[in-house]
Amino acid sequence: MRALDDRCPHRGIPLSHGSVEGNNVVCLYHGWTFDPEGQLVGTKHDHFGKKLPNIRNRTYPVKERYGLVWFFPGDPALAERTPLVEIPHGDGPDAWASLSFAYTWQAHHSMVIDNLAT
């Protein structure tokens, strides 16, 4: 599992506006396609027989714990030896009860934070 920079290196469009096809992320704007390693592996445009440019999007190591995905934004070589935050009762047989859900609000993030975090 990996996390990619949420920015297409071609025009800077957020990749989160695109789609996932198989294991690849496809940019909404021009269809540039990146594999899980961040390597450009395709475009929707015909390059008239030319090779694809050698472009790589930045990737981040990730771990899954406590029902969350944690990404490491620092030097990837340090990711394995940097411990995750310990949350008492976050997992195991004595874990606190929790409820997971997803919801999309059609509002500016400041309105959601202001009304739910107070």
PDB file of N, CA and C in Angstrom:
ATOM      1  N   MET A   1       0.857  -1.174   0.000  1.00  0.00           N
ATOM      2  CA  MET A   1       0.000   0.000   0.000  1.00  0.00           C
ATOM      3  C   MET A   1       0.901   1.234   0.000  1.00  0.00           C
ATOM      4  N   ARG A   2       0.504   2.234  -0.767  1.00  0.00           N
ATOM      5  CA  ARG A   2       1.260   3.481  -0.859  1.00  0.00           C
ATOM      6  C   ARG A   2       0.299   4.660  -0.908  1.00  0.00           C
ATOM      7  N   ALA A   3       0.845   5.820  -0.641  1.00  0.00           N
ATOM      8  CA  ALA A   3       0.115   7.074  -0.835  1.00  0.00           C
ATOM      9  C   ALA A   3       0.895   7.878  -1.872  1.00  0.00           C
ATOM     10  N   LEU A   4       0.180   8.521  -2.776  1.00  0.00           N
ATOM     11  CA  LEU A   4       0.797   9.371  -3.799  1.00  0.00           C
ATOM     12  C   LEU A   4       0.571  10.828  -3.463  1.00  0.00           C
ATOM     13  N   ASP A   5       1.495  11.684  -3.880  1.00  0.00           N
ATOM     14  CA  ASP A   5       1.276  13.120  -3.804  1.00  0.00           C
ATOM     15  C   ASP A   5      -0.020  13.430  -4.543  1.00  0.00           C
ATOM     16  N   ASP A   6      -0.878  14.240  -3.954  1.00  0.00           N
ATOM     17  CA  ASP A   6      -2.170  14.558  -4.572  1.00  0.00           C
ATOM     18  C   ASP A   6      -2.014  15.699  -5.570  1.00  0.00           C
ATOM     19  N   ARG A   7      -1.094  15.513  -6.509  1.00  0.00           N
ATOM     20  CA  ARG A   7      -0.816  16.545  -7.499  1.00  0.00           C
ATOM     21  C   ARG A   7      -0.212  15.883  -8.723  1.00  0.00           C
ATOM     22  N   CYS A   8      -0.869  16.046  -9.853  1.00  0.00           N
ATOM     23  CA  CYS A   8      -0.315  15.506 -11.089  1.00  0.00           C
ATOM     24  C   CYS A   8       0.882  16.366 -11.491  1.00  0.00           C
ATOM     25  N   PRO A   9       2.037  15.750 -11.758  1.00  0.00           N
ATOM     26  CA  PRO A   9       3.207  16.546 -12.142  1.00  0.00           C
ATOM     27  C   PRO A   9       3.057  17.236 -13.491  1.00  0.00           C
ATOM     28  N   HIS A  10       2.049  16.866 -14.271  1.00  0.00           N
ATOM     29  CA  HIS A  10       1.856  17.468 -15.580  1.00  0.00           C
ATOM     30  C   HIS A  10       1.318  18.894 -15.479  1.00  0.00           C
ATOM     31  N   ARG A  11       0.182  19.083 -14.812  1.00  0.00           N
ATOM     32  CA  ARG A  11      -0.430  20.411 -14.707  1.00  0.00           C
ATOM     33  C   ARG A  11      -0.836  20.789 -13.284  1.00  0.00           C
ATOM     34  N   GLY A  12      -0.483  19.947 -12.319  1.00  0.00           N
ATOM     35  CA  GLY A  12      -0.753  20.279 -10.926  1.00  0.00           C
ATOM     36  C   GLY A  12      -2.172  20.019 -10.463  1.00  0.00           C
ATOM     37  N   ILE A  13      -2.966  19.324 -11.254  1.00  0.00           N
ATOM     38  CA  ILE A  13      -4.350  19.014 -10.882  1.00  0.00           C
ATOM     39  C   ILE A  13      -4.341  17.988  -9.748  1.00  0.00           C
ATOM     40  N   PRO A  14      -5.223  18.122  -8.739  1.00  0.00           N
ATOM     41  CA  PRO A  14      -5.281  17.112  -7.673  1.00  0.00           C
ATOM     42  C   PRO A  14      -5.649  15.736  -8.239  1.00  0.00           C
ATOM     43  N   LEU A  15      -4.819  14.740  -7.962  1.00  0.00           N
ATOM     44  CA  LEU A  15      -5.111  13.390  -8.433  1.00  0.00           C
ATOM     45  C   LEU A  15      -6.350  12.818  -7.755  1.00  0.00           C
ATOM     46  N   SER A  16      -6.710  13.363  -6.601  1.00  0.00           N
ATOM     47  CA  SER A  16      -7.922  12.899  -5.912  1.00  0.00           C
ATOM     48  C   SER A  16      -9.181  13.238  -6.708  1.00  0.00           C
ATOM     49  N   HIS A  17      -9.086  14.093  -7.710  1.00  0.00           N
ATOM     50  CA  HIS A  17     -10.226  14.390  -8.581  1.00  0.00           C
ATOM     51  C   HIS A  17     -10.333  13.381  -9.722  1.00  0.00           C
ATOM     52  N   GLY A  18      -9.306  12.528  -9.846  1.00  0.00           N
ATOM     53  CA  GLY A  18      -9.284  11.545 -10.919  1.00  0.00           C
ATOM     54  C   GLY A  18      -9.965  10.257 -10.523  1.00  0.00           C
ATOM     55  N   SER A  19      -9.424   9.144 -11.016  1.00  0.00           N
ATOM     56  CA  SER A  19     -10.035   7.845 -10.745  1.00  0.00           C
ATOM     57  C   SER A  19      -8.947   6.803 -10.506  1.00  0.00           C
ATOM     58  N   VAL A  20      -9.384   5.654  -9.999  1.00  0.00           N
ATOM     59  CA  VAL A  20      -8.494   4.513  -9.816  1.00  0.00           C
ATOM     60  C   VAL A  20      -8.928   3.451 -10.813  1.00  0.00           C
ATOM     61  N   GLU A  21      -7.977   2.991 -11.608  1.00  0.00           N
ATOM     62  CA  GLU A  21      -8.236   1.937 -12.585  1.00  0.00           C
ATOM     63  C   GLU A  21      -7.272   0.800 -12.282  1.00  0.00           C
ATOM     64  N   GLY A  22      -7.814  -0.291 -11.748  1.00  0.00           N
ATOM     65  CA  GLY A  22      -6.943  -1.374 -11.286  1.00  0.00           C
ATOM     66  C   GLY A  22      -6.150  -0.873 -10.094  1.00  0.00           C
ATOM     67  N   ASN A  23      -4.831  -0.919 -10.188  1.00  0.00           N
ATOM     68  CA  ASN A  23      -3.961  -0.399  -9.135  1.00  0.00           C
ATOM     69  C   ASN A  23      -3.381   0.965  -9.485  1.00  0.00           C
ATOM     70  N   ASN A  24      -3.858   1.570 -10.557  1.00  0.00           N
ATOM     71  CA  ASN A  24      -3.299   2.826 -11.034  1.00  0.00           C
ATOM     72  C   ASN A  24      -4.216   4.006 -10.745  1.00  0.00           C
ATOM     73  N   VAL A  25      -3.614   5.179 -10.608  1.00  0.00           N
ATOM     74  CA  VAL A  25      -4.357   6.419 -10.414  1.00  0.00           C
ATOM     75  C   VAL A  25      -4.313   7.190 -11.733  1.00  0.00           C
ATOM     76  N   VAL A  26      -5.481   7.653 -12.177  1.00  0.00           N
ATOM     77  CA  VAL A  26      -5.594   8.350 -13.460  1.00  0.00           C
ATOM     78  C   VAL A  26      -6.014   9.793 -13.208  1.00  0.00           C
ATOM     79  N   CYS A  27      -5.238  10.736 -13.719  1.00  0.00           N
ATOM     80  CA  CYS A  27      -5.545  12.158 -13.569  1.00  0.00           C
ATOM     81  C   CYS A  27      -6.777  12.516 -14.398  1.00  0.00           C
ATOM     82  N   LEU A  28      -7.660  13.286 -13.808  1.00  0.00           N
ATOM     83  CA  LEU A  28      -8.894  13.701 -14.470  1.00  0.00           C
ATOM     84  C   LEU A  28      -8.619  14.600 -15.677  1.00  0.00           C
ATOM     85  N   TYR A  29      -7.588  15.419 -15.620  1.00  0.00           N
ATOM     86  CA  TYR A  29      -7.386  16.461 -16.626  1.00  0.00           C
ATOM     87  C   TYR A  29      -6.942  15.903 -17.979  1.00  0.00           C
ATOM     88  N   HIS A  30      -5.764  15.276 -18.027  1.00  0.00           N
ATOM     89  CA  HIS A  30      -5.260  14.755 -19.295  1.00  0.00           C
ATOM     90  C   HIS A  30      -5.101  13.239 -19.304  1.00  0.00           C
ATOM     91  N   GLY A  31      -5.539  12.566 -18.238  1.00  0.00           N
ATOM     92  CA  GLY A  31      -5.504  11.111 -18.226  1.00  0.00           C
ATOM     93  C   GLY A  31      -4.145  10.501 -17.986  1.00  0.00           C
ATOM     94  N   TRP A  32      -3.196  11.270 -17.430  1.00  0.00           N
ATOM     95  CA  TRP A  32      -1.916  10.674 -17.105  1.00  0.00           C
ATOM     96  C   TRP A  32      -2.155   9.610 -16.041  1.00  0.00           C
ATOM     97  N   THR A  33      -1.532   8.445 -16.209  1.00  0.00           N
ATOM     98  CA  THR A  33      -1.778   7.295 -15.351  1.00  0.00           C
ATOM     99  C   THR A  33      -0.496   6.918 -14.613  1.00  0.00           C
ATOM    100  N   PHE A  34      -0.619   6.764 -13.283  1.00  0.00           N
ATOM    101  CA  PHE A  34       0.528   6.467 -12.427  1.00  0.00           C
ATOM    102  C   PHE A  34       0.318   5.132 -11.722  1.00  0.00           C
ATOM    103  N   ASP A  35       1.377   4.304 -11.706  1.00  0.00           N
ATOM    104  CA  ASP A  35       1.296   3.013 -11.030  1.00  0.00           C
ATOM    105  C   ASP A  35       1.507   3.208  -9.520  1.00  0.00           C
ATOM    106  N   PRO A  36       1.408   2.135  -8.715  1.00  0.00           N
ATOM    107  CA  PRO A  36       1.564   2.287  -7.259  1.00  0.00           C
ATOM    108  C   PRO A  36       2.921   2.823  -6.814  1.00  0.00           C
ATOM    109  N   GLU A  37       3.916   2.728  -7.674  1.00  0.00           N
ATOM    110  CA  GLU A  37       5.241   3.278  -7.351  1.00  0.00           C
ATOM    111  C   GLU A  37       5.353   4.747  -7.735  1.00  0.00           C
ATOM    112  N   GLY A  38       4.287   5.307  -8.328  1.00  0.00           N
ATOM    113  CA  GLY A  38       4.283   6.702  -8.743  1.00  0.00           C
ATOM    114  C   GLY A  38       4.808   6.936 -10.148  1.00  0.00           C
ATOM    115  N   GLN A  39       5.175   5.866 -10.848  1.00  0.00           N
ATOM    116  CA  GLN A  39       5.742   5.981 -12.197  1.00  0.00           C
ATOM    117  C   GLN A  39       4.636   6.237 -13.218  1.00  0.00           C
ATOM    118  N   LEU A  40       4.871   7.168 -14.133  1.00  0.00           N
ATOM    119  CA  LEU A  40       3.948   7.396 -15.246  1.00  0.00           C
ATOM    120  C   LEU A  40       3.965   6.166 -16.134  1.00  0.00           C
ATOM    121  N   VAL A  41       2.784   5.544 -16.328  1.00  0.00           N
ATOM    122  CA  VAL A  41       2.711   4.321 -17.132  1.00  0.00           C
ATOM    123  C   VAL A  41       1.789   4.468 -18.339  1.00  0.00           C
ATOM    124  N   GLY A  42       1.144   5.626 -18.476  1.00  0.00           N
ATOM    125  CA  GLY A  42       0.281   5.801 -19.631  1.00  0.00           C
ATOM    126  C   GLY A  42      -0.340   7.182 -19.668  1.00  0.00           C
ATOM    127  N   THR A  43      -0.819   7.530 -20.848  1.00  0.00           N
ATOM    128  CA  THR A  43      -1.560   8.773 -21.031  1.00  0.00           C
ATOM    129  C   THR A  43      -2.720   8.475 -21.964  1.00  0.00           C
ATOM    130  N   LYS A  44      -3.718   9.318 -21.968  1.00  0.00           N
ATOM    131  CA  LYS A  44      -4.846   9.153 -22.885  1.00  0.00           C
ATOM    132  C   LYS A  44      -4.542   9.802 -24.239  1.00  0.00           C
ATOM    133  N   HIS A  45      -3.418  10.479 -24.332  1.00  0.00           N
ATOM    134  CA  HIS A  45      -3.034  11.213 -25.530  1.00  0.00           C
ATOM    135  C   HIS A  45      -2.097  10.364 -26.383  1.00  0.00           C
ATOM    136  N   ASP A  46      -2.247  10.441 -27.680  1.00  0.00           N
ATOM    137  CA  ASP A  46      -1.345   9.739 -28.592  1.00  0.00           C
ATOM    138  C   ASP A  46      -0.060  10.544 -28.742  1.00  0.00           C
ATOM    139  N   HIS A  47       1.064   9.932 -28.368  1.00  0.00           N
ATOM    140  CA  HIS A  47       2.360  10.614 -28.469  1.00  0.00           C
ATOM    141  C   HIS A  47       3.049  10.329 -29.803  1.00  0.00           C
ATOM    142  N   PHE A  48       2.266   9.867 -30.762  1.00  0.00           N
ATOM    143  CA  PHE A  48       2.774   9.647 -32.121  1.00  0.00           C
ATOM    144  C   PHE A  48       4.012   8.752 -32.135  1.00  0.00           C
ATOM    145  N   GLY A  49       3.938   7.654 -31.359  1.00  0.00           N
ATOM    146  CA  GLY A  49       5.018   6.678 -31.356  1.00  0.00           C
ATOM    147  C   GLY A  49       6.190   7.012 -30.456  1.00  0.00           C
ATOM    148  N   LYS A  50       6.169   8.153 -29.792  1.00  0.00           N
ATOM    149  CA  LYS A  50       7.271   8.519 -28.894  1.00  0.00           C
ATOM    150  C   LYS A  50       7.127   7.784 -27.560  1.00  0.00           C
ATOM    151  N   LYS A  51       8.268   7.569 -26.885  1.00  0.00           N
ATOM    152  CA  LYS A  51       8.246   6.958 -25.558  1.00  0.00           C
ATOM    153  C   LYS A  51       7.602   7.906 -24.563  1.00  0.00           C
ATOM    154  N   LEU A  52       7.002   7.324 -23.527  1.00  0.00           N
ATOM    155  CA  LEU A  52       6.468   8.146 -22.435  1.00  0.00           C
ATOM    156  C   LEU A  52       7.617   8.872 -21.742  1.00  0.00           C
ATOM    157  N   PRO A  53       7.374  10.075 -21.264  1.00  0.00           N
ATOM    158  CA  PRO A  53       8.416  10.741 -20.482  1.00  0.00           C
ATOM    159  C   PRO A  53       8.670   9.958 -19.194  1.00  0.00           C
ATOM    160  N   ASN A  54       9.891   9.991 -18.707  1.00  0.00           N
ATOM    161  CA  ASN A  54      10.252   9.297 -17.473  1.00  0.00           C
ATOM    162  C   ASN A  54       9.901  10.203 -16.296  1.00  0.00           C
ATOM    163  N   ILE A  55       8.655  10.115 -15.853  1.00  0.00           N
ATOM    164  CA  ILE A  55       8.150  10.981 -14.788  1.00  0.00           C
ATOM    165  C   ILE A  55       7.648  10.111 -13.654  1.00  0.00           C
ATOM    166  N   ARG A  56       7.967  10.513 -12.441  1.00  0.00           N
ATOM    167  CA  ARG A  56       7.530   9.787 -11.255  1.00  0.00           C
ATOM    168  C   ARG A  56       6.906  10.779 -10.284  1.00  0.00           C
ATOM    169  N   ASN A  57       5.747  10.406  -9.750  1.00  0.00           N
ATOM    170  CA  ASN A  57       5.097  11.196  -8.719  1.00  0.00           C
ATOM    171  C   ASN A  57       5.628  10.713  -7.368  1.00  0.00           C
ATOM    172  N   ARG A  58       5.716  11.600  -6.403  1.00  0.00           N
ATOM    173  CA  ARG A  58       6.237  11.224  -5.092  1.00  0.00           C
ATOM    174  C   ARG A  58       5.273  10.270  -4.392  1.00  0.00           C
ATOM    175  N   THR A  59       5.831   9.229  -3.783  1.00  0.00           N
ATOM    176  CA  THR A  59       5.044   8.281  -3.006  1.00  0.00           C
ATOM    177  C   THR A  59       5.480   8.356  -1.551  1.00  0.00           C
ATOM    178  N   TYR A  60       4.611   7.890  -0.675  1.00  0.00           N
ATOM    179  CA  TYR A  60       4.874   7.897   0.759  1.00  0.00           C
ATOM    180  C   TYR A  60       4.590   6.515   1.332  1.00  0.00           C
ATOM    181  N   PRO A  61       5.450   6.023   2.234  1.00  0.00           N
ATOM    182  CA  PRO A  61       5.143   4.750   2.894  1.00  0.00           C
ATOM    183  C   PRO A  61       3.922   4.913   3.795  1.00  0.00           C
ATOM    184  N   VAL A  62       3.131   3.864   3.905  1.00  0.00           N
ATOM    185  CA  VAL A  62       1.942   3.908   4.751  1.00  0.00           C
ATOM    186  C   VAL A  62       1.866   2.656   5.619  1.00  0.00           C
ATOM    187  N   LYS A  63       1.140   2.780   6.722  1.00  0.00           N
ATOM    188  CA  LYS A  63       0.812   1.645   7.595  1.00  0.00           C
ATOM    189  C   LYS A  63      -0.647   1.778   7.972  1.00  0.00           C
ATOM    190  N   GLU A  64      -1.266   0.636   8.222  1.00  0.00           N
ATOM    191  CA  GLU A  64      -2.650   0.631   8.659  1.00  0.00           C
ATOM    192  C   GLU A  64      -2.679   0.182  10.116  1.00  0.00           C
ATOM    193  N   ARG A  65      -3.313   0.983  10.968  1.00  0.00           N
ATOM    194  CA  ARG A  65      -3.443   0.644  12.387  1.00  0.00           C
ATOM    195  C   ARG A  65      -4.591   1.440  12.985  1.00  0.00           C
ATOM    196  N   TYR A  66      -5.275   0.844  13.929  1.00  0.00           N
ATOM    197  CA  TYR A  66      -6.421   1.460  14.601  1.00  0.00           C
ATOM    198  C   TYR A  66      -7.552   1.785  13.619  1.00  0.00           C
ATOM    199  N   GLY A  67      -7.614   1.075  12.517  1.00  0.00           N
ATOM    200  CA  GLY A  67      -8.643   1.348  11.531  1.00  0.00           C
ATOM    201  C   GLY A  67      -8.365   2.585  10.697  1.00  0.00           C
ATOM    202  N   LEU A  68      -7.125   3.091  10.760  1.00  0.00           N
ATOM    203  CA  LEU A  68      -6.728   4.278  10.005  1.00  0.00           C
ATOM    204  C   LEU A  68      -5.539   3.947   9.112  1.00  0.00           C
ATOM    205  N   VAL A  69      -5.358   4.730   8.071  1.00  0.00           N
ATOM    206  CA  VAL A  69      -4.165   4.622   7.232  1.00  0.00           C
ATOM    207  C   VAL A  69      -3.268   5.795   7.590  1.00  0.00           C
ATOM    208  N   TRP A  70      -2.049   5.490   8.019  1.00  0.00           N
ATOM    209  CA  TRP A  70      -1.066   6.502   8.413  1.00  0.00           C
ATOM    210  C   TRP A  70      -0.003   6.588   7.327  1.00  0.00           C
ATOM    211  N   PHE A  71       0.327   7.802   6.877  1.00  0.00           N
ATOM    212  CA  PHE A  71       1.403   7.935   5.893  1.00  0.00           C
ATOM    213  C   PHE A  71       2.575   8.659   6.538  1.00  0.00           C
ATOM    214  N   PHE A  72       3.784   8.348   6.045  1.00  0.00           N
ATOM    215  CA  PHE A  72       5.014   8.911   6.590  1.00  0.00           C
ATOM    216  C   PHE A  72       5.558   9.931   5.596  1.00  0.00           C
ATOM    217  N   PRO A  73       5.471  11.241   5.903  1.00  0.00           N
ATOM    218  CA  PRO A  73       5.877  12.264   4.936  1.00  0.00           C
ATOM    219  C   PRO A  73       7.384  12.568   4.927  1.00  0.00           C
ATOM    220  N   GLY A  74       8.135  11.917   5.799  1.00  0.00           N
ATOM    221  CA  GLY A  74       9.573  12.196   5.883  1.00  0.00           C
ATOM    222  C   GLY A  74      10.382  11.325   4.947  1.00  0.00           C
ATOM    223  N   ASP A  75      11.661  11.179   5.272  1.00  0.00           N
ATOM    224  CA  ASP A  75      12.585  10.352   4.501  1.00  0.00           C
ATOM    225  C   ASP A  75      12.080   8.906   4.523  1.00  0.00           C
ATOM    226  N   PRO A  76      11.763   8.312   3.369  1.00  0.00           N
ATOM    227  CA  PRO A  76      11.228   6.948   3.347  1.00  0.00           C
ATOM    228  C   PRO A  76      12.125   5.924   4.047  1.00  0.00           C
ATOM    229  N   ALA A  77      13.438   6.158   4.061  1.00  0.00           N
ATOM    230  CA  ALA A  77      14.355   5.229   4.721  1.00  0.00           C
ATOM    231  C   ALA A  77      14.118   5.175   6.232  1.00  0.00           C
ATOM    232  N   LEU A  78      13.531   6.213   6.795  1.00  0.00           N
ATOM    233  CA  LEU A  78      13.273   6.250   8.237  1.00  0.00           C
ATOM    234  C   LEU A  78      11.890   5.709   8.618  1.00  0.00           C
ATOM    235  N   ALA A  79      11.052   5.448   7.650  1.00  0.00           N
ATOM    236  CA  ALA A  79       9.659   5.066   7.926  1.00  0.00           C
ATOM    237  C   ALA A  79       9.550   3.795   8.764  1.00  0.00           C
ATOM    238  N   GLU A  80      10.330   2.777   8.444  1.00  0.00           N
ATOM    239  CA  GLU A  80      10.208   1.506   9.161  1.00  0.00           C
ATOM    240  C   GLU A  80      10.680   1.591  10.605  1.00  0.00           C
ATOM    241  N   ARG A  81      11.638   2.435  10.891  1.00  0.00           N
ATOM    242  CA  ARG A  81      12.142   2.496  12.272  1.00  0.00           C
ATOM    243  C   ARG A  81      11.541   3.641  13.087  1.00  0.00           C
ATOM    244  N   THR A  82      10.597   4.365  12.502  1.00  0.00           N
ATOM    245  CA  THR A  82       9.889   5.411  13.236  1.00  0.00           C
ATOM    246  C   THR A  82       8.565   4.831  13.716  1.00  0.00           C
ATOM    247  N   PRO A  83       8.383   4.724  15.040  1.00  0.00           N
ATOM    248  CA  PRO A  83       7.159   4.083  15.535  1.00  0.00           C
ATOM    249  C   PRO A  83       5.923   4.948  15.315  1.00  0.00           C
ATOM    250  N   LEU A  84       4.797   4.276  15.152  1.00  0.00           N
ATOM    251  CA  LEU A  84       3.518   4.972  15.081  1.00  0.00           C
ATOM    252  C   LEU A  84       3.129   5.458  16.471  1.00  0.00           C
ATOM    253  N   VAL A  85       2.218   6.385  16.495  1.00  0.00           N
ATOM    254  CA  VAL A  85       1.658   6.867  17.747  1.00  0.00           C
ATOM    255  C   VAL A  85       0.981   5.700  18.456  1.00  0.00           C
ATOM    256  N   GLU A  86       1.206   5.572  19.763  1.00  0.00           N
ATOM    257  CA  GLU A  86       0.522   4.540  20.546  1.00  0.00           C
ATOM    258  C   GLU A  86      -0.768   5.124  21.095  1.00  0.00           C
ATOM    259  N   ILE A  87      -1.873   4.485  20.802  1.00  0.00           N
ATOM    260  CA  ILE A  87      -3.170   4.919  21.308  1.00  0.00           C
ATOM    261  C   ILE A  87      -3.652   3.842  22.282  1.00  0.00           C
ATOM    262  N   PRO A  88      -3.634   4.141  23.575  1.00  0.00           N
ATOM    263  CA  PRO A  88      -4.085   3.133  24.539  1.00  0.00           C
ATOM    264  C   PRO A  88      -5.503   2.671  24.199  1.00  0.00           C
ATOM    265  N   HIS A  89      -5.726   1.398  24.266  1.00  0.00           N
ATOM    266  CA  HIS A  89      -7.023   0.787  23.973  1.00  0.00           C
ATOM    267  C   HIS A  89      -7.449   1.028  22.520  1.00  0.00           C
ATOM    268  N   GLY A  90      -6.490   1.283  21.636  1.00  0.00           N
ATOM    269  CA  GLY A  90      -6.818   1.503  20.225  1.00  0.00           C
ATOM    270  C   GLY A  90      -7.056   0.223  19.462  1.00  0.00           C
ATOM    271  N   ASP A  91      -6.427  -0.868  19.902  1.00  0.00           N
ATOM    272  CA  ASP A  91      -6.655  -2.158  19.262  1.00  0.00           C
ATOM    273  C   ASP A  91      -6.458  -3.267  20.282  1.00  0.00           C
ATOM    274  N   GLY A  92      -6.611  -4.485  19.868  1.00  0.00           N
ATOM    275  CA  GLY A  92      -6.461  -5.624  20.759  1.00  0.00           C
ATOM    276  C   GLY A  92      -7.761  -5.987  21.451  1.00  0.00           C
ATOM    277  N   PRO A  93      -7.689  -6.947  22.388  1.00  0.00           N
ATOM    278  CA  PRO A  93      -8.917  -7.453  23.019  1.00  0.00           C
ATOM    279  C   PRO A  93      -9.628  -6.426  23.900  1.00  0.00           C
ATOM    280  N   ASP A  94      -8.904  -5.421  24.395  1.00  0.00           N
ATOM    281  CA  ASP A  94      -9.525  -4.406  25.255  1.00  0.00           C
ATOM    282  C   ASP A  94      -9.764  -3.086  24.517  1.00  0.00           C
ATOM    283  N   ALA A  95      -9.872  -3.157  23.203  1.00  0.00           N
ATOM    284  CA  ALA A  95     -10.036  -1.928  22.411  1.00  0.00           C
ATOM    285  C   ALA A  95     -11.360  -1.244  22.734  1.00  0.00           C
ATOM    286  N   TRP A  96     -11.324   0.059  22.730  1.00  0.00           N
ATOM    287  CA  TRP A  96     -12.549   0.833  22.925  1.00  0.00           C
ATOM    288  C   TRP A  96     -13.481   0.615  21.749  1.00  0.00           C
ATOM    289  N   ALA A  97     -14.751   0.675  22.007  1.00  0.00           N
ATOM    290  CA  ALA A  97     -15.733   0.545  20.930  1.00  0.00           C
ATOM    291  C   ALA A  97     -15.639   1.770  20.027  1.00  0.00           C
ATOM    292  N   SER A  98     -15.839   1.558  18.750  1.00  0.00           N
ATOM    293  CA  SER A  98     -15.811   2.678  17.810  1.00  0.00           C
ATOM    294  C   SER A  98     -16.789   2.412  16.680  1.00  0.00           C
ATOM    295  N   LEU A  99     -17.120   3.454  15.999  1.00  0.00           N
ATOM    296  CA  LEU A  99     -18.032   3.378  14.869  1.00  0.00           C
ATOM    297  C   LEU A  99     -17.361   4.054  13.686  1.00  0.00           C
ATOM    298  N   SER A 100     -17.199   3.328  12.598  1.00  0.00           N
ATOM    299  CA  SER A 100     -16.593   3.898  11.389  1.00  0.00           C
ATOM    300  C   SER A 100     -17.689   4.231  10.390  1.00  0.00           C
ATOM    301  N   PHE A 101     -17.584   5.408   9.779  1.00  0.00           N
ATOM    302  CA  PHE A 101     -18.543   5.783   8.753  1.00  0.00           C
ATOM    303  C   PHE A 101     -17.882   6.779   7.813  1.00  0.00           C
ATOM    304  N   ALA A 102     -18.472   6.944   6.659  1.00  0.00           N
ATOM    305  CA  ALA A 102     -17.993   7.932   5.693  1.00  0.00           C
ATOM    306  C   ALA A 102     -19.167   8.813   5.311  1.00  0.00           C
ATOM    307  N   TYR A 103     -18.909  10.098   5.228  1.00  0.00           N
ATOM    308  CA  TYR A 103     -19.961  11.034   4.862  1.00  0.00           C
ATOM    309  C   TYR A 103     -19.318  12.202   4.137  1.00  0.00           C
ATOM    310  N   THR A 104     -19.930  12.670   3.079  1.00  0.00           N
ATOM    311  CA  THR A 104     -19.421  13.816   2.334  1.00  0.00           C
ATOM    312  C   THR A 104     -20.351  14.999   2.557  1.00  0.00           C
ATOM    313  N   TRP A 105     -19.788  16.054   3.110  1.00  0.00           N
ATOM    314  CA  TRP A 105     -20.561  17.273   3.311  1.00  0.00           C
ATOM    315  C   TRP A 105     -20.322  18.207   2.137  1.00  0.00           C
ATOM    316  N   GLN A 106     -21.360  18.813   1.629  1.00  0.00           N
ATOM    317  CA  GLN A 106     -21.241  19.790   0.564  1.00  0.00           C
ATOM    318  C   GLN A 106     -21.081  21.168   1.212  1.00  0.00           C
ATOM    319  N   ALA A 107     -19.905  21.367   1.817  1.00  0.00           N
ATOM    320  CA  ALA A 107     -19.642  22.613   2.547  1.00  0.00           C
ATOM    321  C   ALA A 107     -18.145  22.850   2.583  1.00  0.00           C
ATOM    322  N   HIS A 108     -17.771  24.071   2.847  1.00  0.00           N
ATOM    323  CA  HIS A 108     -16.365  24.411   3.027  1.00  0.00           C
ATOM    324  C   HIS A 108     -15.860  23.722   4.293  1.00  0.00           C
ATOM    325  N   HIS A 109     -14.600  23.255   4.269  1.00  0.00           N
ATOM    326  CA  HIS A 109     -14.076  22.498   5.412  1.00  0.00           C
ATOM    327  C   HIS A 109     -14.151  23.285   6.734  1.00  0.00           C
ATOM    328  N   SER A 110     -14.031  24.600   6.662  1.00  0.00           N
ATOM    329  CA  SER A 110     -14.065  25.394   7.904  1.00  0.00           C
ATOM    330  C   SER A 110     -15.446  25.316   8.569  1.00  0.00           C
ATOM    331  N   MET A 111     -16.496  25.200   7.763  1.00  0.00           N
ATOM    332  CA  MET A 111     -17.843  25.082   8.324  1.00  0.00           C
ATOM    333  C   MET A 111     -18.022  23.720   9.018  1.00  0.00           C
ATOM    334  N   VAL A 112     -17.472  22.685   8.415  1.00  0.00           N
ATOM    335  CA  VAL A 112     -17.580  21.351   9.013  1.00  0.00           C
ATOM    336  C   VAL A 112     -16.800  21.300  10.320  1.00  0.00           C
ATOM    337  N   ILE A 113     -15.572  21.811  10.307  1.00  0.00           N
ATOM    338  CA  ILE A 113     -14.741  21.796  11.515  1.00  0.00           C
ATOM    339  C   ILE A 113     -15.403  22.639  12.606  1.00  0.00           C
ATOM    340  N   ASP A 114     -15.877  23.806  12.273  1.00  0.00           N
ATOM    341  CA  ASP A 114     -16.474  24.709  13.258  1.00  0.00           C
ATOM    342  C   ASP A 114     -17.702  24.081  13.914  1.00  0.00           C
ATOM    343  N   ASN A 115     -18.482  23.340  13.154  1.00  0.00           N
ATOM    344  CA  ASN A 115     -19.727  22.801  13.686  1.00  0.00           C
ATOM    345  C   ASN A 115     -19.604  21.423  14.299  1.00  0.00           C
ATOM    346  N   LEU A 116     -18.540  20.697  14.011  1.00  0.00           N
ATOM    347  CA  LEU A 116     -18.413  19.349  14.560  1.00  0.00           C
ATOM    348  C   LEU A 116     -17.336  19.228  15.633  1.00  0.00           C
ATOM    349  N   ALA A 117     -16.407  20.136  15.664  1.00  0.00           N
ATOM    350  CA  ALA A 117     -15.285  20.008  16.598  1.00  0.00           C
ATOM    351  C   ALA A 117     -15.491  20.801  17.874  1.00  0.00           C
ATOM    352  N   THR A 118     -16.626  21.442  18.029  1.00  0.00           N
ATOM    353  CA  THR A 118     -16.835  22.234  19.242  1.00  0.00           C
ATOM    354  C   THR A 118     -17.858  21.608  20.146  1.00  0.00           C
TER     355      THR A 118
END
